[in-house]
Amino acid sequence: KIASDVGGLKKILENVKTRGNLGELLLENILAEILSPEQFIRNAQCKKGSKERVEFAVVLPGKDDENNHVILPIDSKFPKENYQRLLEAYETGDTVEIKNQQSKLVSSIKSFAKDIRDKYINPPITTDFAIMFLPAEGLYSEILRHTGLFETLQRDFHVNITGPTTFAALLNSLQMGFRTLAVQKRSTEVWKLLAAIKKNFGTFSTILEKTTNKITKIIPPPNTI
């Protein structure tokens, strides 16, 4: 029964559109679980006048308080064919084929990164980097096994790769940042409010003193009557 279920899943994943939808669905579920609806955008436009839309983008605060924001592009990629052939090569133990399939997988990832960079990275509308989301932990682990690949993607394409777990950790970090920023902004508001209260209270004290003097002149204190 397990073999039958796995076979059915394999058939589903052989459909490119369905596979893409599954990766996108997983990405959306993680975003929706950690962030509030206003903190991310679906099918976000990164370049004015461009028809290209990135699957999702996280809305980050801008540098000022003018309600400006910057978006962090996130695109889901799943080179299933290359990854599947590599797994099959691991099973056979053919070292030549393993190296061949590893090389093809790395080329696919680099091609994806270049595509993301060219289509979606566009400061100051976007951050100066983007996220490539790999919906399978095994695939993400495989990419990390290739020494220097992670750094190459960052340096040459300004793209960071994440798996489901690391992406969730990244979002949690961003969420904490949002909360800290909100506290800081609220603290500034409270500080300004206290300053205004202090000023108004000083004005009130002056008025009260003047009023007291006027009343005293009109109505003498009890011991003088």
Protein backbone atom coordinates (compact mmCIF):
# COMPACT_ATOMS: atom_id res chain seq x y z
CA LYS A 1 0.00 0.00 0.00
CA ILE A 2 2.85 2.39 0.84
CA ALA A 3 4.55 1.57 -2.47
CA SER A 4 1.27 2.26 -4.27
CA ASP A 5 0.88 5.62 -2.52
CA VAL A 6 4.46 6.60 -3.33
CA GLY A 7 3.91 5.61 -6.94
CA GLY A 8 0.81 7.80 -7.07
CA LEU A 9 2.73 10.72 -5.61
CA LYS A 10 5.48 10.19 -8.19
CA LYS A 11 2.91 10.44 -11.00
CA ILE A 12 1.56 13.65 -9.52
CA LEU A 13 5.04 15.15 -9.28
CA GLU A 14 5.79 14.23 -12.89
CA ASN A 15 3.26 16.87 -13.91
CA VAL A 16 5.25 20.12 -14.09
CA LYS A 17 2.26 22.40 -13.43
CA THR A 18 1.02 20.34 -10.49
CA ARG A 19 4.51 20.14 -9.05
CA GLY A 20 4.88 23.91 -9.30
CA ASN A 21 1.52 24.39 -7.64
CA LEU A 22 2.51 22.10 -4.76
CA GLY A 23 5.68 24.09 -4.13
CA GLU A 24 3.77 27.35 -4.32
CA LEU A 25 1.05 26.01 -2.02
CA LEU A 26 3.61 24.93 0.59
CA LEU A 27 5.28 28.33 0.37
CA GLU A 28 1.97 30.13 0.84
CA ASN A 29 1.03 27.94 3.80
CA ILE A 30 4.28 28.76 5.60
CA LEU A 31 3.85 32.48 4.91
CA ALA A 32 0.23 32.47 6.08
CA GLU A 33 1.09 30.52 9.24
CA ILE A 34 3.80 32.92 10.41
CA LEU A 35 2.97 36.33 8.92
CA SER A 36 -0.23 38.35 8.93
CA PRO A 37 -2.03 38.86 5.56
CA GLU A 38 -0.77 42.44 5.16
CA GLN A 39 2.85 41.35 5.63
CA PHE A 40 3.16 39.47 2.34
CA ILE A 41 1.94 39.86 -1.24
CA ARG A 42 0.97 37.22 -3.78
CA ASN A 43 2.03 37.72 -7.43
CA ALA A 44 3.95 40.88 -6.58
CA GLN A 45 5.21 43.25 -9.26
CA CYS A 46 8.89 44.06 -8.77
CA LYS A 47 9.46 46.27 -11.80
CA LYS A 48 7.11 48.98 -13.02
CA GLY A 49 5.72 48.21 -16.45
CA SER A 50 6.90 44.61 -16.33
CA LYS A 51 4.51 41.69 -16.80
CA GLU A 52 6.68 39.48 -14.61
CA ARG A 53 5.27 38.68 -11.19
CA VAL A 54 7.11 36.93 -8.39
CA GLU A 55 5.06 34.27 -6.60
CA PHE A 56 5.28 35.95 -3.21
CA ALA A 57 6.98 38.91 -1.57
CA VAL A 58 7.36 39.84 2.07
CA VAL A 59 6.60 43.48 2.85
CA LEU A 60 9.43 45.06 4.82
CA PRO A 61 9.41 48.51 6.44
CA GLY A 62 11.18 51.28 4.53
CA LYS A 63 13.89 53.56 5.89
CA ASP A 64 11.48 56.32 6.89
CA ASP A 65 8.12 56.69 8.57
CA GLU A 66 6.24 57.77 5.44
CA ASN A 67 4.52 54.38 5.10
CA ASN A 68 7.07 53.40 2.45
CA HIS A 69 8.01 49.76 2.20
CA VAL A 70 10.39 47.43 0.42
CA ILE A 71 9.44 43.96 -0.80
CA LEU A 72 11.53 40.80 -0.49
CA PRO A 73 10.93 38.57 -3.58
CA ILE A 74 10.40 34.85 -2.92
CA ASP A 75 10.15 32.31 -5.74
CA SER A 76 9.54 28.57 -5.41
CA LYS A 77 11.68 26.25 -7.58
CA PHE A 78 11.67 22.47 -7.83
CA PRO A 79 14.04 20.87 -10.43
CA LYS A 80 12.36 17.53 -9.92
CA GLU A 81 13.72 15.75 -13.00
CA ASN A 82 17.35 16.53 -12.17
CA TYR A 83 16.86 15.67 -8.53
CA GLN A 84 15.07 12.40 -9.32
CA ARG A 85 17.85 11.28 -11.69
CA LEU A 86 20.43 12.10 -9.02
CA LEU A 87 18.59 9.98 -6.44
CA GLU A 88 18.46 7.10 -8.92
CA ALA A 89 22.21 7.48 -9.49
CA TYR A 90 22.80 7.32 -5.73
CA GLU A 91 20.79 4.08 -5.61
CA THR A 92 22.86 2.45 -8.35
CA GLY A 93 26.13 3.70 -6.87
CA ASP A 94 27.43 4.78 -10.28
CA THR A 95 29.97 7.46 -9.29
CA VAL A 96 30.31 8.80 -12.83
CA GLU A 97 26.55 9.17 -13.19
CA ILE A 98 26.30 10.71 -9.72
CA LYS A 99 28.80 13.43 -10.63
CA ASN A 100 27.04 13.97 -13.96
CA GLN A 101 23.63 14.41 -12.34
CA GLN A 102 25.06 16.59 -9.57
CA SER A 103 26.54 18.88 -12.20
CA LYS A 104 23.18 19.11 -13.99
CA LEU A 105 21.35 19.86 -10.74
CA VAL A 106 23.81 22.62 -9.85
CA SER A 107 23.42 24.11 -13.35
CA SER A 108 19.63 24.11 -12.92
CA ILE A 109 19.86 25.89 -9.57
CA LYS A 110 22.23 28.51 -11.00
CA SER A 111 19.88 29.03 -13.94
CA PHE A 112 16.96 29.52 -11.55
CA ALA A 113 19.00 32.00 -9.52
CA LYS A 114 19.92 34.01 -12.62
CA ASP A 115 16.27 34.05 -13.67
CA ILE A 116 15.19 35.31 -10.23
CA ARG A 117 17.88 37.99 -10.22
CA ASP A 118 17.04 39.30 -13.69
CA LYS A 119 13.27 39.30 -13.21
CA TYR A 120 12.66 40.25 -9.61
CA ILE A 121 15.59 42.02 -7.92
CA ASN A 122 15.03 45.73 -8.42
CA PRO A 123 16.15 48.07 -5.60
CA PRO A 124 14.82 50.30 -4.13
CA ILE A 125 11.41 48.74 -4.90
CA THR A 126 12.77 45.38 -3.75
CA THR A 127 15.56 44.32 -1.46
CA ASP A 128 18.95 43.82 -3.11
CA PHE A 129 18.53 40.06 -2.73
CA ALA A 130 15.80 37.46 -3.23
CA ILE A 131 14.85 34.06 -1.81
CA MET A 132 14.74 30.81 -3.78
CA PHE A 133 12.43 28.43 -1.93
CA LEU A 134 13.10 24.71 -2.42
CA PRO A 135 10.00 22.78 -1.26
CA ALA A 136 11.86 19.55 -0.40
CA GLU A 137 14.24 19.29 2.54
CA GLY A 138 16.24 16.59 0.75
CA LEU A 139 16.79 18.85 -2.25
CA TYR A 140 17.86 21.73 0.00
CA SER A 141 20.31 19.43 1.82
CA GLU A 142 21.72 18.25 -1.50
CA ILE A 143 22.41 21.83 -2.60
CA LEU A 144 24.20 22.56 0.68
CA ARG A 145 26.47 19.55 0.11
CA HIS A 146 28.12 21.31 -2.82
CA THR A 147 30.92 23.36 -1.34
CA GLY A 148 30.80 27.02 -2.33
CA LEU A 149 27.47 26.82 -4.20
CA PHE A 150 25.51 28.65 -1.51
CA GLU A 151 28.09 31.46 -1.46
CA THR A 152 28.19 31.59 -5.27
CA LEU A 153 24.43 32.08 -5.46
CA GLN A 154 24.68 34.91 -2.95
CA ARG A 155 27.68 36.59 -4.56
CA ASP A 156 26.87 36.25 -8.27
CA PHE A 157 23.08 36.32 -8.24
CA HIS A 158 22.14 37.87 -4.87
CA VAL A 159 19.88 34.89 -4.20
CA ASN A 160 19.59 32.96 -0.92
CA ILE A 161 18.24 29.43 -0.99
CA THR A 162 16.01 28.00 1.74
CA GLY A 163 14.18 24.78 2.46
CA PRO A 164 10.83 24.64 4.29
CA THR A 165 12.42 24.58 7.76
CA THR A 166 15.01 27.29 7.16
CA PHE A 167 12.41 29.46 5.42
CA ALA A 168 10.11 29.20 8.43
CA ALA A 169 13.04 30.15 10.68
CA LEU A 170 13.78 33.15 8.44
CA LEU A 171 10.16 34.31 8.63
CA ASN A 172 10.15 33.94 12.41
CA SER A 173 13.25 36.13 12.57
CA LEU A 174 11.58 38.74 10.35
CA GLN A 175 8.43 38.58 12.47
CA MET A 176 10.46 39.28 15.60
CA GLY A 177 12.02 42.20 13.75
CA PHE A 178 8.56 43.51 12.88
CA ARG A 179 7.52 43.30 16.53
CA THR A 180 10.67 45.07 17.69
CA LEU A 181 10.12 47.79 15.11
CA ALA A 182 6.50 48.15 16.22
CA VAL A 183 7.60 48.50 19.84
CA GLN A 184 10.19 51.08 18.85
CA LYS A 185 7.64 53.07 16.90
CA ARG A 186 5.16 52.85 19.77
CA SER A 187 7.87 53.90 22.19
CA THR A 188 8.52 56.98 20.09
CA GLU A 189 4.80 57.77 20.07
CA VAL A 190 4.58 57.35 23.84
CA TRP A 191 7.66 59.55 24.32
CA LYS A 192 6.13 62.27 22.14
CA LEU A 193 2.83 61.94 24.00
CA LEU A 194 4.52 62.27 27.39
CA ALA A 195 6.44 65.31 26.14
CA ALA A 196 3.18 66.89 24.98
CA ILE A 197 1.50 66.09 28.29
CA LYS A 198 4.42 67.65 30.17
CA LYS A 199 4.16 70.79 28.03
CA ASN A 200 0.38 70.98 28.40
CA PHE A 201 0.60 70.34 32.12
CA GLY A 202 3.07 73.21 32.44
CA THR A 203 0.69 75.46 30.54
CA PHE A 204 -2.19 74.29 32.71
CA SER A 205 -0.17 75.02 35.88
CA THR A 206 0.51 78.58 34.68
CA ILE A 207 -3.17 79.17 33.86
CA LEU A 208 -4.23 77.67 37.19
CA GLU A 209 -1.82 79.95 39.06
CA LYS A 210 -3.12 83.03 37.26
CA THR A 211 -6.71 81.98 37.90
CA THR A 212 -5.95 81.46 41.60
CA ASN A 213 -4.42 84.96 41.85
CA LYS A 214 -7.48 86.54 40.22
CA ILE A 215 -9.87 84.69 42.52
CA THR A 216 -7.81 85.73 45.56
CA LYS A 217 -8.07 89.38 44.55
CA ILE A 218 -11.85 89.13 44.12
CA ILE A 219 -12.48 86.98 47.20
CA PRO A 220 -10.08 87.64 50.11
CA PRO A 221 -8.86 84.66 52.11
CA PRO A 222 -11.10 83.70 55.13
CA ASN A 223 -8.69 85.06 57.78
CA THR A 224 -8.84 88.56 56.25
CA ILE A 225 -12.65 88.82 56.37
